[in-house]
Amino acid sequence: HRTPDAAAAFSKNAKENGFGAIIAAAGMAAHLAGVLA
């Protein structure tokens, strides 16, 4: 909610940056995992 562009950019580039999986933790509204996915 506060840095959606940064979260989207990180996720879009995660594979190219050597990541094989993402763990996303959030409380309350908890939209982070869905946005990254």
PDB file of all heavy atoms in Angstrom:
ATOM      1  N   HIS A   1       0.804  -1.223   0.000  1.00  0.00           N
ATOM      2  CA  HIS A   1       0.000   0.000   0.000  1.00  0.00           C
ATOM      3  C   HIS A   1       0.836   1.272   0.000  1.00  0.00           C
ATOM      4  O   HIS A   1       0.462   2.257  -0.624  1.00  0.00           O
ATOM      5  CB  HIS A   1      -0.922   0.007   1.222  1.00  0.00           C
ATOM      6  CG  HIS A   1      -1.787  -1.207   1.278  1.00  0.00           C
ATOM      7  ND1 HIS A   1      -1.576  -2.229   2.172  1.00  0.00           N
ATOM      8  CD2 HIS A   1      -2.834  -1.583   0.508  1.00  0.00           C
ATOM      9  CE1 HIS A   1      -2.477  -3.180   1.965  1.00  0.00           C
ATOM     10  NE2 HIS A   1      -3.249  -2.820   0.967  1.00  0.00           N
ATOM     11  N   ARG A   2       1.972   1.261   0.691  1.00  0.00           N
ATOM     12  CA  ARG A   2       2.788   2.477   0.803  1.00  0.00           C
ATOM     13  C   ARG A   2       3.899   2.561  -0.243  1.00  0.00           C
ATOM     14  O   ARG A   2       4.333   3.647  -0.591  1.00  0.00           O
ATOM     15  CB  ARG A   2       3.373   2.573   2.213  1.00  0.00           C
ATOM     16  CG  ARG A   2       2.297   2.767   3.263  1.00  0.00           C
ATOM     17  CD  ARG A   2       2.888   2.932   4.656  1.00  0.00           C
ATOM     18  NE  ARG A   2       1.818   2.986   5.640  1.00  0.00           N
ATOM     19  CZ  ARG A   2       1.420   1.965   6.389  1.00  0.00           C
ATOM     20  NH1 ARG A   2       2.020   0.788   6.277  1.00  0.00           N
ATOM     21  NH2 ARG A   2       0.435   2.086   7.241  1.00  0.00           N
ATOM     22  N   THR A   3       4.378   1.409  -0.715  1.00  0.00           N
ATOM     23  CA  THR A   3       5.418   1.396  -1.763  1.00  0.00           C
ATOM     24  C   THR A   3       5.049   0.387  -2.853  1.00  0.00           C
ATOM     25  O   THR A   3       5.822  -0.520  -3.175  1.00  0.00           O
ATOM     26  CB  THR A   3       6.807   1.053  -1.171  1.00  0.00           C
ATOM     27  OG1 THR A   3       6.750  -0.245  -0.564  1.00  0.00           O
ATOM     28  CG2 THR A   3       7.267   2.089  -0.157  1.00  0.00           C
ATOM     29  N   PRO A   4       3.874   0.533  -3.443  1.00  0.00           N
ATOM     30  CA  PRO A   4       3.440  -0.463  -4.439  1.00  0.00           C
ATOM     31  C   PRO A   4       4.351  -0.530  -5.657  1.00  0.00           C
ATOM     32  O   PRO A   4       4.551  -1.614  -6.211  1.00  0.00           O
ATOM     33  CB  PRO A   4       2.026  -0.022  -4.803  1.00  0.00           C
ATOM     34  CG  PRO A   4       1.972   1.434  -4.468  1.00  0.00           C
ATOM     35  CD  PRO A   4       2.886   1.603  -3.276  1.00  0.00           C
ATOM     36  N   ASP A   5       4.905   0.597  -6.088  1.00  0.00           N
ATOM     37  CA  ASP A   5       5.784   0.579  -7.261  1.00  0.00           C
ATOM     38  C   ASP A   5       7.069  -0.195  -6.965  1.00  0.00           C
ATOM     39  O   ASP A   5       7.548  -0.957  -7.811  1.00  0.00           O
ATOM     40  CB  ASP A   5       6.116   2.001  -7.717  1.00  0.00           C
ATOM     41  CG  ASP A   5       4.889   2.736  -8.263  1.00  0.00           C
ATOM     42  OD1 ASP A   5       3.921   2.062  -8.683  1.00  0.00           O
ATOM     43  OD2 ASP A   5       4.906   3.981  -8.262  1.00  0.00           O
ATOM     44  N   ALA A   6       7.628  -0.007  -5.783  1.00  0.00           N
ATOM     45  CA  ALA A   6       8.848  -0.729  -5.405  1.00  0.00           C
ATOM     46  C   ALA A   6       8.576  -2.221  -5.297  1.00  0.00           C
ATOM     47  O   ALA A   6       9.382  -3.049  -5.745  1.00  0.00           O
ATOM     48  CB  ALA A   6       9.398  -0.192  -4.084  1.00  0.00           C
ATOM     49  N   ALA A   7       7.432  -2.587  -4.707  1.00  0.00           N
ATOM     50  CA  ALA A   7       7.079  -4.007  -4.574  1.00  0.00           C
ATOM     51  C   ALA A   7       6.890  -4.630  -5.954  1.00  0.00           C
ATOM     52  O   ALA A   7       7.391  -5.735  -6.215  1.00  0.00           O
ATOM     53  CB  ALA A   7       5.813  -4.153  -3.738  1.00  0.00           C
ATOM     54  N   ALA A   8       6.208  -3.933  -6.842  1.00  0.00           N
ATOM     55  CA  ALA A   8       5.982  -4.455  -8.187  1.00  0.00           C
ATOM     56  C   ALA A   8       7.300  -4.601  -8.938  1.00  0.00           C
ATOM     57  O   ALA A   8       7.549  -5.626  -9.577  1.00  0.00           O
ATOM     58  CB  ALA A   8       5.027  -3.543  -8.956  1.00  0.00           C
ATOM     59  N   ALA A   9       8.164  -3.597  -8.845  1.00  0.00           N
ATOM     60  CA  ALA A   9       9.449  -3.650  -9.546  1.00  0.00           C
ATOM     61  C   ALA A   9      10.309  -4.791  -9.017  1.00  0.00           C
ATOM     62  O   ALA A   9      10.944  -5.519  -9.793  1.00  0.00           O
ATOM     63  CB  ALA A   9      10.187  -2.318  -9.407  1.00  0.00           C
ATOM     64  N   PHE A  10      10.328  -4.961  -7.700  1.00  0.00           N
ATOM     65  CA  PHE A  10      11.110  -6.055  -7.124  1.00  0.00           C
ATOM     66  C   PHE A  10      10.615  -7.387  -7.659  1.00  0.00           C
ATOM     67  O   PHE A  10      11.396  -8.228  -8.103  1.00  0.00           O
ATOM     68  CB  PHE A  10      11.031  -6.042  -5.592  1.00  0.00           C
ATOM     69  CG  PHE A  10      11.864  -7.115  -4.963  1.00  0.00           C
ATOM     70  CD1 PHE A  10      13.174  -6.872  -4.610  1.00  0.00           C
ATOM     71  CD2 PHE A  10      11.351  -8.392  -4.751  1.00  0.00           C
ATOM     72  CE1 PHE A  10      13.969  -7.869  -4.057  1.00  0.00           C
ATOM     73  CE2 PHE A  10      12.122  -9.394  -4.210  1.00  0.00           C
ATOM     74  CZ  PHE A  10      13.437  -9.131  -3.861  1.00  0.00           C
ATOM     75  N   SER A  11       9.319  -7.583  -7.626  1.00  0.00           N
ATOM     76  CA  SER A  11       8.740  -8.854  -8.054  1.00  0.00           C
ATOM     77  C   SER A  11       8.950  -9.101  -9.545  1.00  0.00           C
ATOM     78  O   SER A  11       9.296 -10.210  -9.958  1.00  0.00           O
ATOM     79  CB  SER A  11       7.253  -8.878  -7.701  1.00  0.00           C
ATOM     80  OG  SER A  11       6.721 -10.159  -7.879  1.00  0.00           O
ATOM     81  N   LYS A  12       8.765  -8.083 -10.361  1.00  0.00           N
ATOM     82  CA  LYS A  12       8.956  -8.214 -11.810  1.00  0.00           C
ATOM     83  C   LYS A  12      10.375  -8.661 -12.153  1.00  0.00           C
ATOM     84  O   LYS A  12      10.588  -9.388 -13.120  1.00  0.00           O
ATOM     85  CB  LYS A  12       8.694  -6.877 -12.506  1.00  0.00           C
ATOM     86  CG  LYS A  12       7.260  -6.523 -12.689  1.00  0.00           C
ATOM     87  CD  LYS A  12       7.153  -5.163 -13.382  1.00  0.00           C
ATOM     88  CE  LYS A  12       5.724  -4.693 -13.416  1.00  0.00           C
ATOM     89  NZ  LYS A  12       5.615  -3.347 -14.022  1.00  0.00           N
ATOM     90  N   ASN A  13      11.345  -8.213 -11.365  1.00  0.00           N
ATOM     91  CA  ASN A  13      12.755  -8.471 -11.654  1.00  0.00           C
ATOM     92  C   ASN A  13      13.373  -9.568 -10.784  1.00  0.00           C
ATOM     93  O   ASN A  13      14.561  -9.850 -10.906  1.00  0.00           O
ATOM     94  CB  ASN A  13      13.556  -7.177 -11.484  1.00  0.00           C
ATOM     95  CG  ASN A  13      13.099  -6.133 -12.479  1.00  0.00           C
ATOM     96  OD1 ASN A  13      13.088  -6.373 -13.680  1.00  0.00           O
ATOM     97  ND2 ASN A  13      12.686  -4.972 -11.988  1.00  0.00           N
ATOM     98  N   ALA A  14      12.584 -10.184  -9.932  1.00  0.00           N
ATOM     99  CA  ALA A  14      13.122 -11.147  -8.965  1.00  0.00           C
ATOM    100  C   ALA A  14      13.813 -12.330  -9.635  1.00  0.00           C
ATOM    101  O   ALA A  14      14.918 -12.720  -9.240  1.00  0.00           O
ATOM    102  CB  ALA A  14      12.019 -11.632  -8.026  1.00  0.00           C
ATOM    103  N   LYS A  15      13.210 -12.909 -10.639  1.00  0.00           N
ATOM    104  CA  LYS A  15      13.807 -14.070 -11.307  1.00  0.00           C
ATOM    105  C   LYS A  15      15.143 -13.698 -11.941  1.00  0.00           C
ATOM    106  O   LYS A  15      16.134 -14.409 -11.772  1.00  0.00           O
ATOM    107  CB  LYS A  15      12.841 -14.636 -12.358  1.00  0.00           C
ATOM    108  CG  LYS A  15      13.316 -15.931 -12.966  1.00  0.00           C
ATOM    109  CD  LYS A  15      12.249 -16.534 -13.866  1.00  0.00           C
ATOM    110  CE  LYS A  15      12.709 -17.874 -14.397  1.00  0.00           C
ATOM    111  NZ  LYS A  15      11.686 -18.508 -15.220  1.00  0.00           N
ATOM    112  N   GLU A  16      15.179 -12.579 -12.642  1.00  0.00           N
ATOM    113  CA  GLU A  16      16.418 -12.126 -13.286  1.00  0.00           C
ATOM    114  C   GLU A  16      17.489 -11.785 -12.253  1.00  0.00           C
ATOM    115  O   GLU A  16      18.681 -11.830 -12.554  1.00  0.00           O
ATOM    116  CB  GLU A  16      16.148 -10.899 -14.173  1.00  0.00           C
ATOM    117  CG  GLU A  16      15.317 -11.216 -15.399  1.00  0.00           C
ATOM    118  CD  GLU A  16      13.825 -11.387 -15.104  1.00  0.00           C
ATOM    119  OE1 GLU A  16      13.338 -10.874 -14.078  1.00  0.00           O
ATOM    120  OE2 GLU A  16      13.148 -12.078 -15.893  1.00  0.00           O
ATOM    121  N   ASN A  17      17.073 -11.443 -11.045  1.00  0.00           N
ATOM    122  CA  ASN A  17      18.016 -11.100  -9.978  1.00  0.00           C
ATOM    123  C   ASN A  17      18.430 -12.295  -9.134  1.00  0.00           C
ATOM    124  O   ASN A  17      19.013 -12.137  -8.064  1.00  0.00           O
ATOM    125  CB  ASN A  17      17.437  -9.985  -9.111  1.00  0.00           C
ATOM    126  CG  ASN A  17      17.409  -8.655  -9.838  1.00  0.00           C
ATOM    127  OD1 ASN A  17      18.277  -8.378 -10.669  1.00  0.00           O
ATOM    128  ND2 ASN A  17      16.417  -7.834  -9.554  1.00  0.00           N
ATOM    129  N   GLY A  18      18.129 -13.505  -9.606  1.00  0.00           N
ATOM    130  CA  GLY A  18      18.623 -14.717  -8.964  1.00  0.00           C
ATOM    131  C   GLY A  18      17.743 -15.330  -7.909  1.00  0.00           C
ATOM    132  O   GLY A  18      18.163 -16.247  -7.204  1.00  0.00           O
ATOM    133  N   PHE A  19      16.515 -14.863  -7.790  1.00  0.00           N
ATOM    134  CA  PHE A  19      15.611 -15.435  -6.795  1.00  0.00           C
ATOM    135  C   PHE A  19      14.866 -16.626  -7.393  1.00  0.00           C
ATOM    136  O   PHE A  19      14.572 -16.666  -8.584  1.00  0.00           O
ATOM    137  CB  PHE A  19      14.611 -14.381  -6.304  1.00  0.00           C
ATOM    138  CG  PHE A  19      15.260 -13.289  -5.499  1.00  0.00           C
ATOM    139  CD1 PHE A  19      15.626 -12.098  -6.104  1.00  0.00           C
ATOM    140  CD2 PHE A  19      15.533 -13.467  -4.160  1.00  0.00           C
ATOM    141  CE1 PHE A  19      16.250 -11.096  -5.384  1.00  0.00           C
ATOM    142  CE2 PHE A  19      16.164 -12.476  -3.429  1.00  0.00           C
ATOM    143  CZ  PHE A  19      16.526 -11.286  -4.047  1.00  0.00           C
ATOM    144  N   GLY A  20      14.557 -17.600  -6.526  1.00  0.00           N
ATOM    145  CA  GLY A  20      13.808 -18.767  -6.941  1.00  0.00           C
ATOM    146  C   GLY A  20      12.459 -18.872  -6.270  1.00  0.00           C
ATOM    147  O   GLY A  20      11.609 -19.666  -6.670  1.00  0.00           O
ATOM    148  N   ALA A  21      12.239 -18.059  -5.238  1.00  0.00           N
ATOM    149  CA  ALA A  21      10.969 -18.049  -4.508  1.00  0.00           C
ATOM    150  C   ALA A  21      10.915 -16.777  -3.674  1.00  0.00           C
ATOM    151  O   ALA A  21      11.948 -16.177  -3.358  1.00  0.00           O
ATOM    152  CB  ALA A  21      10.836 -19.269  -3.603  1.00  0.00           C
ATOM    153  N   ILE A  22       9.688 -16.403  -3.326  1.00  0.00           N
ATOM    154  CA  ILE A  22       9.462 -15.217  -2.503  1.00  0.00           C
ATOM    155  C   ILE A  22       8.591 -15.610  -1.317  1.00  0.00           C
ATOM    156  O   ILE A  22       7.562 -16.262  -1.489  1.00  0.00           O
ATOM    157  CB  ILE A  22       8.759 -14.104  -3.305  1.00  0.00           C
ATOM    158  CG1 ILE A  22       9.621 -13.659  -4.488  1.00  0.00           C
ATOM    159  CG2 ILE A  22       8.407 -12.919  -2.402  1.00  0.00           C
ATOM    160  CD1 ILE A  22       8.920 -12.708  -5.448  1.00  0.00           C
ATOM    161  N   ILE A  23       9.019 -15.214  -0.130  1.00  0.00           N
ATOM    162  CA  ILE A  23       8.190 -15.320   1.068  1.00  0.00           C
ATOM    163  C   ILE A  23       7.710 -13.909   1.370  1.00  0.00           C
ATOM    164  O   ILE A  23       8.520 -12.985   1.469  1.00  0.00           O
ATOM    165  CB  ILE A  23       8.979 -15.876   2.269  1.00  0.00           C
ATOM    166  CG1 ILE A  23       9.487 -17.288   1.988  1.00  0.00           C
ATOM    167  CG2 ILE A  23       8.110 -15.848   3.531  1.00  0.00           C
ATOM    168  CD1 ILE A  23      10.421 -17.830   3.067  1.00  0.00           C
ATOM    169  N   ALA A  24       6.395 -13.735   1.487  1.00  0.00           N
ATOM    170  CA  ALA A  24       5.818 -12.415   1.740  1.00  0.00           C
ATOM    171  C   ALA A  24       5.014 -12.448   3.027  1.00  0.00           C
ATOM    172  O   ALA A  24       4.084 -13.236   3.163  1.00  0.00           O
ATOM    173  CB  ALA A  24       4.928 -11.999   0.575  1.00  0.00           C
ATOM    174  N   ALA A  25       5.390 -11.593   3.971  1.00  0.00           N
ATOM    175  CA  ALA A  25       4.720 -11.556   5.269  1.00  0.00           C
ATOM    176  C   ALA A  25       4.028 -10.227   5.471  1.00  0.00           C
ATOM    177  O   ALA A  25       4.613  -9.170   5.205  1.00  0.00           O
ATOM    178  CB  ALA A  25       5.737 -11.766   6.381  1.00  0.00           C
ATOM    179  N   ALA A  26       2.800 -10.288   5.924  1.00  0.00           N
ATOM    180  CA  ALA A  26       2.064  -9.060   6.212  1.00  0.00           C
ATOM    181  C   ALA A  26       0.929  -9.359   7.174  1.00  0.00           C
ATOM    182  O   ALA A  26       0.409 -10.478   7.214  1.00  0.00           O
ATOM    183  CB  ALA A  26       1.523  -8.434   4.928  1.00  0.00           C
ATOM    184  N   GLY A  27       0.573  -8.360   7.928  1.00  0.00           N
ATOM    185  CA  GLY A  27      -0.568  -8.457   8.835  1.00  0.00           C
ATOM    186  C   GLY A  27      -1.711  -7.608   8.318  1.00  0.00           C
ATOM    187  O   GLY A  27      -1.628  -6.981   7.268  1.00  0.00           O
ATOM    188  N   MET A  28      -2.770  -7.611   9.054  1.00  0.00           N
ATOM    189  CA  MET A  28      -3.979  -6.839   8.767  1.00  0.00           C
ATOM    190  C   MET A  28      -4.481  -7.097   7.340  1.00  0.00           C
ATOM    191  O   MET A  28      -4.830  -8.218   7.028  1.00  0.00           O
ATOM    192  CB  MET A  28      -3.756  -5.369   9.084  1.00  0.00           C
ATOM    193  CG  MET A  28      -3.416  -5.242  10.553  1.00  0.00           C
ATOM    194  SD  MET A  28      -3.256  -3.705  11.403  1.00  0.00           S
ATOM    195  CE  MET A  28      -3.116  -2.387  10.384  1.00  0.00           C
ATOM    196  N   ALA A  29      -4.511  -6.112   6.465  1.00  0.00           N
ATOM    197  CA  ALA A  29      -5.065  -6.309   5.121  1.00  0.00           C
ATOM    198  C   ALA A  29      -4.274  -7.325   4.310  1.00  0.00           C
ATOM    199  O   ALA A  29      -4.831  -8.009   3.469  1.00  0.00           O
ATOM    200  CB  ALA A  29      -5.128  -4.979   4.372  1.00  0.00           C
ATOM    201  N   ALA A  30      -2.977  -7.426   4.556  1.00  0.00           N
ATOM    202  CA  ALA A  30      -2.120  -8.499   4.020  1.00  0.00           C
ATOM    203  C   ALA A  30      -2.211  -8.699   2.519  1.00  0.00           C
ATOM    204  O   ALA A  30      -2.328  -9.807   2.041  1.00  0.00           O
ATOM    205  CB  ALA A  30      -2.409  -9.814   4.752  1.00  0.00           C
ATOM    206  N   HIS A  31      -2.098  -7.639   1.756  1.00  0.00           N
ATOM    207  CA  HIS A  31      -2.144  -7.766   0.300  1.00  0.00           C
ATOM    208  C   HIS A  31      -0.781  -7.994  -0.325  1.00  0.00           C
ATOM    209  O   HIS A  31      -0.682  -8.187  -1.536  1.00  0.00           O
ATOM    210  CB  HIS A  31      -2.793  -6.516  -0.321  1.00  0.00           C
ATOM    211  CG  HIS A  31      -4.216  -6.365   0.063  1.00  0.00           C
ATOM    212  ND1 HIS A  31      -4.703  -5.261   0.690  1.00  0.00           N
ATOM    213  CD2 HIS A  31      -5.264  -7.208  -0.066  1.00  0.00           C
ATOM    214  CE1 HIS A  31      -5.996  -5.413   0.922  1.00  0.00           C
ATOM    215  NE2 HIS A  31      -6.353  -6.591   0.477  1.00  0.00           N
ATOM    216  N   LEU A  32       0.289  -7.966   0.463  1.00  0.00           N
ATOM    217  CA  LEU A  32       1.636  -8.015  -0.083  1.00  0.00           C
ATOM    218  C   LEU A  32       1.895  -9.263  -0.924  1.00  0.00           C
ATOM    219  O   LEU A  32       2.397  -9.164  -2.043  1.00  0.00           O
ATOM    220  CB  LEU A  32       2.677  -7.906   1.040  1.00  0.00           C
ATOM    221  CG  LEU A  32       4.129  -7.865   0.598  1.00  0.00           C
ATOM    222  CD1 LEU A  32       4.400  -6.686  -0.326  1.00  0.00           C
ATOM    223  CD2 LEU A  32       5.033  -7.802   1.829  1.00  0.00           C
ATOM    224  N   ALA A  33       1.569 -10.429  -0.420  1.00  0.00           N
ATOM    225  CA  ALA A  33       1.832 -11.666  -1.168  1.00  0.00           C
ATOM    226  C   ALA A  33       1.112 -11.658  -2.503  1.00  0.00           C
ATOM    227  O   ALA A  33       1.680 -12.030  -3.534  1.00  0.00           O
ATOM    228  CB  ALA A  33       1.431 -12.883  -0.340  1.00  0.00           C
ATOM    229  N   GLY A  34      -0.118 -11.228  -2.528  1.00  0.00           N
ATOM    230  CA  GLY A  34      -0.891 -11.183  -3.768  1.00  0.00           C
ATOM    231  C   GLY A  34      -0.335 -10.180  -4.760  1.00  0.00           C
ATOM    232  O   GLY A  34      -0.276 -10.450  -5.959  1.00  0.00           O
ATOM    233  N   VAL A  35       0.097  -9.028  -4.274  1.00  0.00           N
ATOM    234  CA  VAL A  35       0.685  -8.025  -5.166  1.00  0.00           C
ATOM    235  C   VAL A  35       1.969  -8.569  -5.772  1.00  0.00           C
ATOM    236  O   VAL A  35       2.192  -8.466  -6.981  1.00  0.00           O
ATOM    237  CB  VAL A  35       0.933  -6.700  -4.411  1.00  0.00           C
ATOM    238  CG1 VAL A  35       1.841  -5.765  -5.210  1.00  0.00           C
ATOM    239  CG2 VAL A  35      -0.393  -6.020  -4.096  1.00  0.00           C
ATOM    240  N   LEU A  36       2.825  -9.171  -4.953  1.00  0.00           N
ATOM    241  CA  LEU A  36       4.064  -9.737  -5.471  1.00  0.00           C
ATOM    242  C   LEU A  36       3.774 -10.862  -6.468  1.00  0.00           C
ATOM    243  O   LEU A  36       4.408 -10.948  -7.520  1.00  0.00           O
ATOM    244  CB  LEU A  36       4.947 -10.239  -4.324  1.00  0.00           C
ATOM    245  CG  LEU A  36       5.462  -9.155  -3.369  1.00  0.00           C
ATOM    246  CD1 LEU A  36       6.157  -9.800  -2.174  1.00  0.00           C
ATOM    247  CD2 LEU A  36       6.372  -8.173  -4.065  1.00  0.00           C
ATOM    248  N   ALA A  37       2.809 -11.716  -6.151  1.00  0.00           N
ATOM    249  CA  ALA A  37       2.465 -12.833  -7.042  1.00  0.00           C
ATOM    250  C   ALA A  37       1.914 -12.346  -8.373  1.00  0.00           C
ATOM    251  O   ALA A  37       2.089 -13.008  -9.400  1.00  0.00           O
ATOM    252  CB  ALA A  37       1.455 -13.750  -6.352  1.00  0.00           C
TER     253      ALA A  37
END
